[in-house]
Amino acid sequence: MNKKEFYKIFIPAIEKAFKEDSINYGFYVKDPTEYLNKEELIEIEKYLENNEDKMISLKRLLIILMLNHIISHQFKI
């Protein structure tokens, strides 16, 4: 799996995680990997293992997106 394939699978999972957040879990947003099928999850996990150093910035981005999502829902922006 290359970077383009990774994002092609992972970005829709992130979007779905945010859309599903309207279900009342409080401020909990499910991990995007919970929205992947078994094959996609295996490929994503392999990619993340092989590119762990590069993924630090992705983790930071996800944290920022989740905080922004929580704040915008809390203050109805």
N, C-alpha and C. Protein backbone atom coordinates (compact mmCIF):
# COMPACT_ATOMS: atom_id res chain seq x y z
N MET A 1 0.85 -1.17 0.00
CA MET A 1 0.00 0.00 0.00
C MET A 1 0.89 1.23 0.00
N ASN A 2 0.56 2.16 -0.87
CA ASN A 2 1.31 3.42 -0.89
C ASN A 2 0.51 4.50 -0.17
N LYS A 3 1.11 5.69 -0.08
CA LYS A 3 0.48 6.79 0.66
C LYS A 3 -0.87 7.18 0.06
N LYS A 4 -0.98 7.20 -1.26
CA LYS A 4 -2.23 7.59 -1.91
C LYS A 4 -3.34 6.59 -1.59
N GLU A 5 -3.02 5.30 -1.64
CA GLU A 5 -4.01 4.27 -1.32
C GLU A 5 -4.44 4.36 0.16
N PHE A 6 -3.45 4.64 1.02
CA PHE A 6 -3.75 4.78 2.45
C PHE A 6 -4.78 5.88 2.67
N TYR A 7 -4.53 7.06 2.11
CA TYR A 7 -5.44 8.18 2.32
C TYR A 7 -6.79 7.96 1.63
N LYS A 8 -6.80 7.23 0.54
CA LYS A 8 -8.05 6.94 -0.16
C LYS A 8 -8.98 6.10 0.72
N ILE A 9 -8.42 5.26 1.55
CA ILE A 9 -9.21 4.44 2.47
C ILE A 9 -9.46 5.18 3.78
N PHE A 10 -8.42 5.84 4.31
CA PHE A 10 -8.49 6.37 5.67
C PHE A 10 -9.30 7.66 5.78
N ILE A 11 -9.23 8.54 4.79
CA ILE A 11 -9.97 9.80 4.87
C ILE A 11 -11.48 9.57 4.92
N PRO A 12 -12.05 8.69 4.08
CA PRO A 12 -13.49 8.43 4.22
C PRO A 12 -13.86 7.85 5.60
N ALA A 13 -12.96 7.07 6.18
CA ALA A 13 -13.22 6.52 7.52
C ALA A 13 -13.24 7.65 8.56
N ILE A 14 -12.35 8.61 8.41
CA ILE A 14 -12.33 9.77 9.31
C ILE A 14 -13.64 10.55 9.15
N GLU A 15 -14.05 10.78 7.91
CA GLU A 15 -15.29 11.51 7.66
C GLU A 15 -16.49 10.80 8.28
N LYS A 16 -16.53 9.48 8.14
CA LYS A 16 -17.64 8.72 8.70
C LYS A 16 -17.62 8.80 10.23
N ALA A 17 -16.43 8.75 10.83
CA ALA A 17 -16.33 8.86 12.29
C ALA A 17 -16.92 10.18 12.76
N PHE A 18 -16.65 11.25 12.04
CA PHE A 18 -17.20 12.55 12.42
C PHE A 18 -18.71 12.62 12.18
N LYS A 19 -19.18 12.04 11.08
CA LYS A 19 -20.62 12.05 10.81
C LYS A 19 -21.38 11.26 11.86
N GLU A 20 -20.82 10.13 12.28
CA GLU A 20 -21.47 9.28 13.26
C GLU A 20 -21.41 9.88 14.66
N ASP A 21 -20.62 10.92 14.84
CA ASP A 21 -20.50 11.54 16.16
C ASP A 21 -21.80 12.21 16.58
N SER A 22 -22.73 12.40 15.65
CA SER A 22 -24.00 13.01 16.01
C SER A 22 -24.82 12.06 16.90
N ILE A 23 -24.46 10.78 16.88
CA ILE A 23 -25.06 9.83 17.81
C ILE A 23 -24.51 10.19 19.18
N ASN A 24 -25.32 10.22 20.19
CA ASN A 24 -24.91 10.79 21.47
C ASN A 24 -23.93 9.90 22.23
N TYR A 25 -22.64 10.09 21.95
CA TYR A 25 -21.57 9.46 22.72
C TYR A 25 -20.89 10.52 23.58
N GLY A 26 -21.52 11.64 23.79
CA GLY A 26 -20.87 12.75 24.49
C GLY A 26 -19.82 13.34 23.58
N PHE A 27 -18.61 13.46 24.07
CA PHE A 27 -17.53 14.02 23.26
C PHE A 27 -16.66 12.93 22.65
N TYR A 28 -17.12 11.70 22.69
CA TYR A 28 -16.35 10.58 22.16
C TYR A 28 -16.57 10.46 20.66
N VAL A 29 -15.49 10.47 19.92
CA VAL A 29 -15.54 10.21 18.48
C VAL A 29 -14.83 8.88 18.27
N LYS A 30 -15.53 7.93 17.67
CA LYS A 30 -14.92 6.61 17.45
C LYS A 30 -13.69 6.74 16.57
N ASP A 31 -12.77 5.84 16.78
CA ASP A 31 -11.56 5.77 15.97
C ASP A 31 -11.96 5.44 14.53
N PRO A 32 -11.37 6.11 13.55
CA PRO A 32 -11.72 5.85 12.15
C PRO A 32 -11.53 4.38 11.74
N THR A 33 -10.62 3.68 12.40
CA THR A 33 -10.40 2.27 12.04
C THR A 33 -11.62 1.41 12.37
N GLU A 34 -12.52 1.89 13.21
CA GLU A 34 -13.73 1.14 13.53
C GLU A 34 -14.71 1.11 12.35
N TYR A 35 -14.46 1.92 11.33
CA TYR A 35 -15.33 1.99 10.16
C TYR A 35 -14.73 1.31 8.93
N LEU A 36 -13.66 0.57 9.13
CA LEU A 36 -13.01 -0.13 8.02
C LEU A 36 -13.42 -1.60 8.04
N ASN A 37 -13.47 -2.20 6.84
CA ASN A 37 -13.71 -3.63 6.82
C ASN A 37 -12.40 -4.35 7.19
N LYS A 38 -12.46 -5.65 7.38
CA LYS A 38 -11.31 -6.41 7.87
C LYS A 38 -10.09 -6.28 6.96
N GLU A 39 -10.30 -6.37 5.66
CA GLU A 39 -9.18 -6.27 4.70
C GLU A 39 -8.54 -4.88 4.74
N GLU A 40 -9.38 -3.84 4.77
CA GLU A 40 -8.85 -2.48 4.84
C GLU A 40 -8.08 -2.25 6.14
N LEU A 41 -8.62 -2.77 7.22
CA LEU A 41 -7.96 -2.61 8.52
C LEU A 41 -6.58 -3.26 8.53
N ILE A 42 -6.47 -4.45 7.97
CA ILE A 42 -5.18 -5.13 7.90
C ILE A 42 -4.19 -4.31 7.08
N GLU A 43 -4.63 -3.80 5.93
CA GLU A 43 -3.76 -2.99 5.08
C GLU A 43 -3.34 -1.69 5.76
N ILE A 44 -4.29 -1.05 6.43
CA ILE A 44 -3.99 0.20 7.15
C ILE A 44 -2.98 -0.06 8.26
N GLU A 45 -3.20 -1.14 9.03
CA GLU A 45 -2.28 -1.46 10.12
C GLU A 45 -0.87 -1.74 9.60
N LYS A 46 -0.76 -2.47 8.49
CA LYS A 46 0.55 -2.73 7.89
C LYS A 46 1.21 -1.42 7.46
N TYR A 47 0.44 -0.57 6.82
CA TYR A 47 0.99 0.72 6.36
C TYR A 47 1.48 1.54 7.55
N LEU A 48 0.67 1.61 8.60
CA LEU A 48 1.05 2.39 9.77
C LEU A 48 2.30 1.83 10.44
N GLU A 49 2.41 0.51 10.50
CA GLU A 49 3.61 -0.11 11.08
C GLU A 49 4.86 0.23 10.27
N ASN A 50 4.73 0.20 8.96
CA ASN A 50 5.88 0.45 8.09
C ASN A 50 6.22 1.93 7.96
N ASN A 51 5.30 2.80 8.33
CA ASN A 51 5.50 4.24 8.17
C ASN A 51 5.24 5.00 9.47
N GLU A 52 5.55 4.37 10.57
CA GLU A 52 5.22 4.95 11.88
C GLU A 52 5.81 6.34 12.08
N ASP A 53 7.05 6.56 11.68
CA ASP A 53 7.66 7.88 11.86
C ASP A 53 6.92 8.95 11.08
N LYS A 54 6.44 8.61 9.90
CA LYS A 54 5.71 9.56 9.07
C LYS A 54 4.32 9.85 9.61
N MET A 55 3.80 8.93 10.42
CA MET A 55 2.43 9.05 10.89
C MET A 55 2.28 9.96 12.10
N ILE A 56 3.37 10.40 12.68
CA ILE A 56 3.28 11.32 13.82
C ILE A 56 2.49 12.56 13.42
N SER A 57 2.75 13.08 12.24
CA SER A 57 2.02 14.27 11.80
C SER A 57 0.55 13.96 11.54
N LEU A 58 0.23 12.74 11.10
CA LEU A 58 -1.17 12.35 10.90
C LEU A 58 -1.88 12.29 12.25
N LYS A 59 -1.22 11.75 13.26
CA LYS A 59 -1.83 11.68 14.59
C LYS A 59 -2.11 13.09 15.11
N ARG A 60 -1.17 13.99 14.91
CA ARG A 60 -1.38 15.37 15.34
C ARG A 60 -2.55 16.00 14.60
N LEU A 61 -2.63 15.75 13.30
CA LEU A 61 -3.74 16.27 12.49
C LEU A 61 -5.07 15.73 13.00
N LEU A 62 -5.14 14.43 13.29
CA LEU A 62 -6.37 13.84 13.78
C LEU A 62 -6.79 14.46 15.11
N ILE A 63 -5.83 14.70 15.98
CA ILE A 63 -6.14 15.33 17.27
C ILE A 63 -6.71 16.72 17.04
N ILE A 64 -6.09 17.48 16.16
CA ILE A 64 -6.57 18.83 15.86
C ILE A 64 -7.97 18.78 15.27
N LEU A 65 -8.22 17.86 14.34
CA LEU A 65 -9.54 17.74 13.72
C LEU A 65 -10.60 17.35 14.76
N MET A 66 -10.25 16.43 15.64
CA MET A 66 -11.21 16.01 16.65
C MET A 66 -11.51 17.13 17.64
N LEU A 67 -10.50 17.86 18.04
CA LEU A 67 -10.73 18.99 18.95
C LEU A 67 -11.59 20.06 18.27
N ASN A 68 -11.30 20.34 17.01
CA ASN A 68 -12.09 21.32 16.27
C ASN A 68 -13.55 20.87 16.15
N HIS A 69 -13.73 19.59 15.90
CA HIS A 69 -15.08 19.03 15.78
C HIS A 69 -15.83 19.16 17.11
N ILE A 70 -15.18 18.83 18.20
CA ILE A 70 -15.80 18.92 19.52
C ILE A 70 -16.16 20.37 19.84
N ILE A 71 -15.23 21.27 19.60
CA ILE A 71 -15.47 22.69 19.90
C ILE A 71 -16.60 23.24 19.05
N SER A 72 -16.62 22.90 17.77
CA SER A 72 -17.67 23.44 16.90
C SER A 72 -19.03 22.91 17.29
N HIS A 73 -19.12 21.67 17.77
CA HIS A 73 -20.41 21.14 18.22
C HIS A 73 -20.82 21.70 19.57
N GLN A 74 -19.85 21.94 20.41
CA GLN A 74 -20.16 22.47 21.73
C GLN A 74 -20.70 23.89 21.65
N PHE A 75 -20.12 24.69 20.75
CA PHE A 75 -20.51 26.08 20.63
C PHE A 75 -21.39 26.35 19.42
N LYS A 76 -21.83 25.28 18.75
CA LYS A 76 -22.73 25.38 17.59
C LYS A 76 -22.22 26.33 16.54
N ILE A 77 -20.94 26.19 16.17
CA ILE A 77 -20.33 27.07 15.16
C ILE A 77 -20.72 26.59 13.79
